[in-house]
Amino acid sequence: MNINILKKIGKRLLAEIPTMKREPLGDAALGIGAAGDKTFLIDKKAEEIIISGLDDSGEALTIVSEEIGTQEMKGGGRKVIIDPIDGTKNAISGIPFYCTSIAVADGNKVGDIELAYVVNLVNGDEFWAEKGKGAFLKGEKIYTQRDDGLYLTAYEIQSPGKDIPRIMSLLSKSRKTRCLGATALDLAYLACGAISVFVSPSPSRVFDFAGGWLLVREAGGIFTDIKGSSIDDLEVGLKKSYSLLVSGNERLHEMALRLLGRA
């Protein structure tokens, strides 16, 4: 498995997914995916493209995907963690901020992720990372924010009434805040320095952040749960879920942890 295989899949996604005709709030769910969320036509189509591309690679792989769950290909092998459409609610509502995220792990833990690919399906931004080789946007090496200014804090929540008070101490100290609705893209743009801190007090499944984890780490950022504990040893799968706190550098991360500790 290499980045060229994932980029080939991304090229097909960019050719086919944006052309799917959708009306804001008009799409009906096809059913419930393996992870427990509603599956829409755009999710199914993106997953079919990805699975087809992986099958064409000829490699023995174990797929971990939001829609089909865990599935062995050619007897199983390295794990490929897929979120076919991250930001489905944005996509079906006509909000132009959603992506595909693919990560490859040579083992069963988050820390075993060695290859990541995230493609913005609206503007074509391609992010990828290889363990030990750095993170890239359109072929140019990227880095997280270097200073300790809280310029923009992005967040993801599931229950506003419950979750916003938990992070308000951090949000209130930030110059700008955004809830953009696609975790993998939040993390990708944090990796290139556009976002200072990302926080998700609500549980996130591994496929939501797997690609972003390696992008951020290779770009120089810090990635923990909301209490500051490492998630590197957590198991890759569908059932586990974790809070997230991600920062451009150690100083930003320490500041965010202090602010969240006051909530």
Protein backbone atom coordinates (compact mmCIF):
# COMPACT_ATOMS: atom_id res chain seq x y z
CA MET A 1 0.00 0.00 0.00
CA ASN A 2 1.37 3.42 -0.93
CA ILE A 3 0.15 6.96 -1.30
CA ASN A 4 -0.19 6.67 -5.09
CA ILE A 5 -2.93 4.04 -4.66
CA LEU A 6 -4.82 6.33 -2.29
CA LYS A 7 -4.38 9.33 -4.59
CA LYS A 8 -5.77 7.29 -7.49
CA ILE A 9 -8.84 6.55 -5.36
CA GLY A 10 -9.07 10.26 -4.50
CA LYS A 11 -9.01 11.20 -8.18
CA ARG A 12 -12.01 9.02 -8.85
CA LEU A 13 -13.83 10.36 -5.78
CA LEU A 14 -13.28 13.92 -6.97
CA ALA A 15 -14.57 12.99 -10.43
CA GLU A 16 -17.76 11.28 -9.25
CA ILE A 17 -18.86 12.47 -5.80
CA PRO A 18 -19.23 16.23 -6.49
CA THR A 19 -21.37 15.48 -9.56
CA MET A 20 -24.00 13.62 -7.55
CA LYS A 21 -27.15 15.74 -7.64
CA ARG A 22 -28.33 16.64 -4.14
CA GLU A 23 -30.98 18.97 -2.84
CA PRO A 24 -30.44 20.62 0.56
CA LEU A 25 -32.08 18.45 3.25
CA GLY A 26 -33.67 16.37 0.49
CA ASP A 27 -31.69 13.12 0.74
CA ALA A 28 -33.31 10.16 2.45
CA ALA A 29 -31.27 7.68 4.50
CA LEU A 30 -30.70 4.25 2.94
CA GLY A 31 -30.33 2.57 6.33
CA ILE A 32 -27.95 2.35 9.28
CA GLY A 33 -24.24 1.75 8.80
CA ALA A 34 -22.05 -0.59 10.84
CA ALA A 35 -21.02 2.26 13.15
CA GLY A 36 -24.65 3.04 14.00
CA ASP A 37 -25.12 6.22 11.99
CA LYS A 38 -27.50 6.74 9.09
CA THR A 39 -26.14 5.83 5.66
CA PHE A 40 -26.94 8.06 2.69
CA LEU A 41 -26.40 7.51 -1.02
CA ILE A 42 -23.27 9.68 -1.01
CA ASP A 43 -21.74 7.53 1.77
CA LYS A 44 -22.50 4.32 -0.11
CA LYS A 45 -21.13 5.61 -3.41
CA ALA A 46 -17.90 6.89 -1.85
CA GLU A 47 -17.35 3.62 0.00
CA GLU A 48 -17.89 1.60 -3.20
CA ILE A 49 -15.26 3.70 -5.01
CA ILE A 50 -12.76 3.25 -2.18
CA ILE A 51 -13.30 -0.50 -1.81
CA SER A 52 -13.00 -0.96 -5.57
CA GLY A 53 -9.73 0.97 -5.64
CA LEU A 54 -8.29 -1.03 -2.75
CA ASP A 55 -9.35 -4.29 -4.40
CA ASP A 56 -7.61 -3.23 -7.63
CA SER A 57 -4.37 -2.82 -5.66
CA GLY A 58 -4.23 -6.62 -5.30
CA GLU A 59 -3.17 -6.40 -1.64
CA ALA A 60 -4.52 -8.45 1.23
CA LEU A 61 -6.19 -5.93 3.54
CA THR A 62 -8.61 -5.68 6.44
CA ILE A 63 -11.14 -2.91 5.90
CA VAL A 64 -12.54 -0.98 8.87
CA SER A 65 -15.21 1.34 7.47
CA GLU A 66 -18.05 3.39 8.91
CA GLU A 67 -20.62 1.81 6.60
CA ILE A 68 -19.70 -1.87 6.03
CA GLY A 69 -17.84 -2.42 9.29
CA THR A 70 -14.85 -4.80 9.36
CA GLN A 71 -14.26 -6.87 6.23
CA GLU A 72 -11.29 -8.93 5.06
CA MET A 73 -10.06 -8.54 1.50
CA LYS A 74 -8.03 -11.40 -0.02
CA GLY A 75 -7.67 -13.04 3.39
CA GLY A 76 -6.97 -9.88 5.39
CA GLY A 77 -3.83 -7.94 6.21
CA ARG A 78 -2.93 -4.38 7.13
CA LYS A 79 -5.90 -2.41 8.39
CA VAL A 80 -7.38 0.31 6.21
CA ILE A 81 -9.52 2.67 8.30
CA ILE A 82 -12.07 4.49 6.16
CA ASP A 83 -14.56 7.28 6.62
CA PRO A 84 -16.11 7.41 3.13
CA ILE A 85 -17.75 10.80 3.76
CA ASP A 86 -16.71 12.72 6.84
CA GLY A 87 -19.23 15.54 7.15
CA THR A 88 -22.22 13.68 5.70
CA LYS A 89 -24.67 16.10 7.31
CA ASN A 90 -22.88 18.97 5.58
CA ALA A 91 -22.94 17.14 2.25
CA ILE A 92 -26.64 16.26 2.30
CA SER A 93 -27.54 19.75 3.54
CA GLY A 94 -25.66 21.50 0.74
CA ILE A 95 -22.91 22.85 3.02
CA PRO A 96 -19.60 22.66 1.12
CA PHE A 97 -17.30 21.20 3.78
CA TYR A 98 -16.83 17.42 3.68
CA CYS A 99 -14.15 14.93 2.78
CA THR A 100 -12.95 11.34 2.56
CA SER A 101 -10.44 10.01 5.09
CA ILE A 102 -8.33 6.86 4.66
CA ALA A 103 -5.64 5.60 7.04
CA VAL A 104 -3.49 2.47 6.88
CA ALA A 105 -2.24 0.75 10.05
CA ASP A 106 0.32 -2.05 10.33
CA GLY A 107 -1.22 -3.27 13.58
CA ASN A 108 -4.26 -2.90 15.82
CA LYS A 109 -3.54 0.39 17.56
CA VAL A 110 -3.84 4.05 16.61
CA GLY A 111 -0.07 4.35 16.99
CA ASP A 112 0.38 1.75 14.25
CA ILE A 113 -1.07 4.09 11.59
CA GLU A 114 1.65 4.61 9.00
CA LEU A 115 -0.12 6.19 6.02
CA ALA A 116 -2.94 8.76 5.84
CA TYR A 117 -4.90 10.43 3.07
CA VAL A 118 -7.61 13.09 3.43
CA VAL A 119 -9.20 14.76 0.40
CA ASN A 120 -11.52 17.75 0.52
CA LEU A 121 -14.30 16.75 -1.87
CA VAL A 122 -15.34 20.36 -2.45
CA ASN A 123 -12.12 22.15 -3.42
CA GLY A 124 -9.82 19.20 -4.15
CA ASP A 125 -7.27 19.85 -1.38
CA GLU A 126 -5.28 16.62 -0.94
CA PHE A 127 -3.51 15.97 2.35
CA TRP A 128 -1.34 12.96 3.00
CA ALA A 129 1.25 11.78 5.49
CA GLU A 130 3.70 8.90 5.80
CA LYS A 131 5.13 7.95 9.17
CA GLY A 132 8.59 9.42 9.54
CA LYS A 133 8.40 11.30 6.23
CA GLY A 134 6.18 14.29 7.06
CA ALA A 135 2.78 15.63 6.11
CA PHE A 136 1.86 17.24 2.80
CA LEU A 137 -0.79 19.38 1.12
CA LYS A 138 -0.77 19.12 -2.69
CA GLY A 139 2.80 17.86 -2.54
CA GLU A 140 4.14 20.68 -0.35
CA LYS A 141 5.34 19.84 3.15
CA ILE A 142 3.15 21.34 5.86
CA TYR A 143 3.63 22.26 9.51
CA THR A 144 1.37 23.09 12.41
CA GLN A 145 1.22 26.51 14.10
CA ARG A 146 4.52 27.39 15.74
CA ASP A 147 3.60 30.17 18.21
CA ASP A 148 1.18 30.03 21.15
CA GLY A 149 -1.59 32.34 19.95
CA LEU A 150 -5.13 30.95 20.19
CA TYR A 151 -6.06 32.40 16.80
CA LEU A 152 -8.75 29.88 15.87
CA THR A 153 -10.19 27.03 17.91
CA ALA A 154 -12.32 24.51 16.03
CA TYR A 155 -14.63 22.11 17.81
CA GLU A 156 -17.05 19.25 17.23
CA ILE A 157 -19.98 18.46 19.52
CA GLN A 158 -22.93 16.09 19.57
CA SER A 159 -25.07 17.64 22.32
CA PRO A 160 -24.68 21.44 22.41
CA GLY A 161 -26.44 21.94 25.73
CA LYS A 162 -24.15 19.43 27.43
CA ASP A 163 -20.90 19.81 25.51
CA ILE A 164 -20.48 23.55 24.93
CA PRO A 165 -20.27 24.39 28.67
CA ARG A 166 -17.46 21.82 28.96
CA ILE A 167 -15.28 23.71 26.47
CA MET A 168 -16.50 27.30 26.93
CA SER A 169 -13.43 28.26 28.97
CA LEU A 170 -11.27 27.42 25.94
CA LEU A 171 -13.58 28.95 23.36
CA SER A 172 -13.91 32.19 25.30
CA LYS A 173 -10.13 32.73 25.25
CA SER A 174 -9.84 32.12 21.50
CA ARG A 175 -9.84 34.98 19.00
CA LYS A 176 -12.12 33.02 16.64
CA THR A 177 -14.04 29.73 16.89
CA ARG A 178 -15.53 27.43 14.29
CA CYS A 179 -17.71 24.30 14.34
CA LEU A 180 -17.20 23.10 10.79
CA GLY A 181 -18.73 19.63 10.94
CA ALA A 182 -16.00 17.37 9.49
CA THR A 183 -13.39 16.22 12.01
CA ALA A 184 -10.90 14.86 9.47
CA LEU A 185 -10.83 18.19 7.60
CA ASP A 186 -10.51 20.14 10.85
CA LEU A 187 -7.44 18.08 11.68
CA ALA A 188 -6.02 18.39 8.16
CA TYR A 189 -6.24 22.18 8.27
CA LEU A 190 -4.78 22.19 11.78
CA ALA A 191 -1.86 20.22 10.35
CA CYS A 192 -1.11 23.04 7.91
CA GLY A 193 -1.37 25.78 10.54
CA ALA A 194 -4.82 27.18 9.72
CA ILE A 195 -6.32 26.05 13.06
CA SER A 196 -4.62 26.48 16.44
CA VAL A 197 -6.56 23.95 18.52
CA PHE A 198 -9.29 21.38 17.86
CA VAL A 199 -11.44 19.99 20.67
CA SER A 200 -14.18 17.37 20.72
CA PRO A 201 -15.59 16.60 24.16
CA SER A 202 -18.07 14.21 22.55
CA PRO A 203 -16.89 10.69 21.67
CA SER A 204 -15.18 10.31 18.29
CA ARG A 205 -14.75 6.94 16.58
CA VAL A 206 -11.34 5.97 15.23
CA PHE A 207 -12.29 6.39 11.57
CA ASP A 208 -13.24 10.02 12.32
CA PHE A 209 -9.70 10.95 13.31
CA ALA A 210 -7.37 8.17 12.06
CA GLY A 211 -6.15 10.07 8.99
CA GLY A 212 -5.93 13.33 10.91
CA TRP A 213 -3.92 11.71 13.70
CA LEU A 214 -0.97 10.97 11.43
CA LEU A 215 -1.26 14.28 9.54
CA VAL A 216 -1.06 16.24 12.79
CA ARG A 217 1.72 14.14 14.29
CA GLU A 218 3.88 14.32 11.17
CA ALA A 219 3.28 18.10 10.89
CA GLY A 220 4.51 18.68 14.45
CA GLY A 221 1.27 18.83 16.45
CA ILE A 222 0.08 17.26 19.72
CA PHE A 223 -2.79 14.75 19.80
CA THR A 224 -4.42 13.46 23.02
CA ASP A 225 -7.83 13.00 24.59
CA ILE A 226 -9.45 15.97 26.34
CA LYS A 227 -7.71 15.07 29.61
CA GLY A 228 -4.28 15.05 28.00
CA SER A 229 -3.83 11.26 27.85
CA SER A 230 -2.23 9.65 24.81
CA ILE A 231 -4.52 7.75 22.44
CA ASP A 232 -1.67 5.96 20.64
CA ASP A 233 -2.33 2.63 22.36
CA LEU A 234 -6.08 2.64 21.75
CA GLU A 235 -7.52 -0.13 19.61
CA VAL A 236 -8.57 0.44 16.02
CA GLY A 237 -12.19 -0.61 15.58
CA LEU A 238 -15.80 0.50 15.32
CA LYS A 239 -16.98 0.41 18.93
CA LYS A 240 -14.38 2.45 20.78
CA SER A 241 -14.87 6.20 21.04
CA TYR A 242 -12.77 8.94 22.57
CA SER A 243 -12.74 12.65 23.28
CA LEU A 244 -10.08 14.64 21.41
CA LEU A 245 -7.79 17.58 22.09
CA VAL A 246 -5.39 18.47 19.29
CA SER A 247 -3.00 21.43 19.17
CA GLY A 248 -0.39 22.90 16.89
CA ASN A 249 2.37 22.61 19.48
CA GLU A 250 3.12 21.71 23.09
CA ARG A 251 2.64 25.26 24.45
CA LEU A 252 -0.79 25.55 22.85
CA HIS A 253 -1.72 22.13 24.18
CA GLU A 254 -0.69 22.96 27.74
CA MET A 255 -2.66 26.21 27.55
CA ALA A 256 -5.76 24.38 26.25
CA LEU A 257 -5.52 21.78 29.01
CA ARG A 258 -5.28 24.49 31.67
CA LEU A 259 -8.31 26.30 30.27
CA LEU A 260 -10.36 23.13 30.00
CA GLY A 261 -9.42 22.23 33.55
CA ARG A 262 -11.36 25.28 34.73
CA ALA A 263 -14.62 24.14 33.14
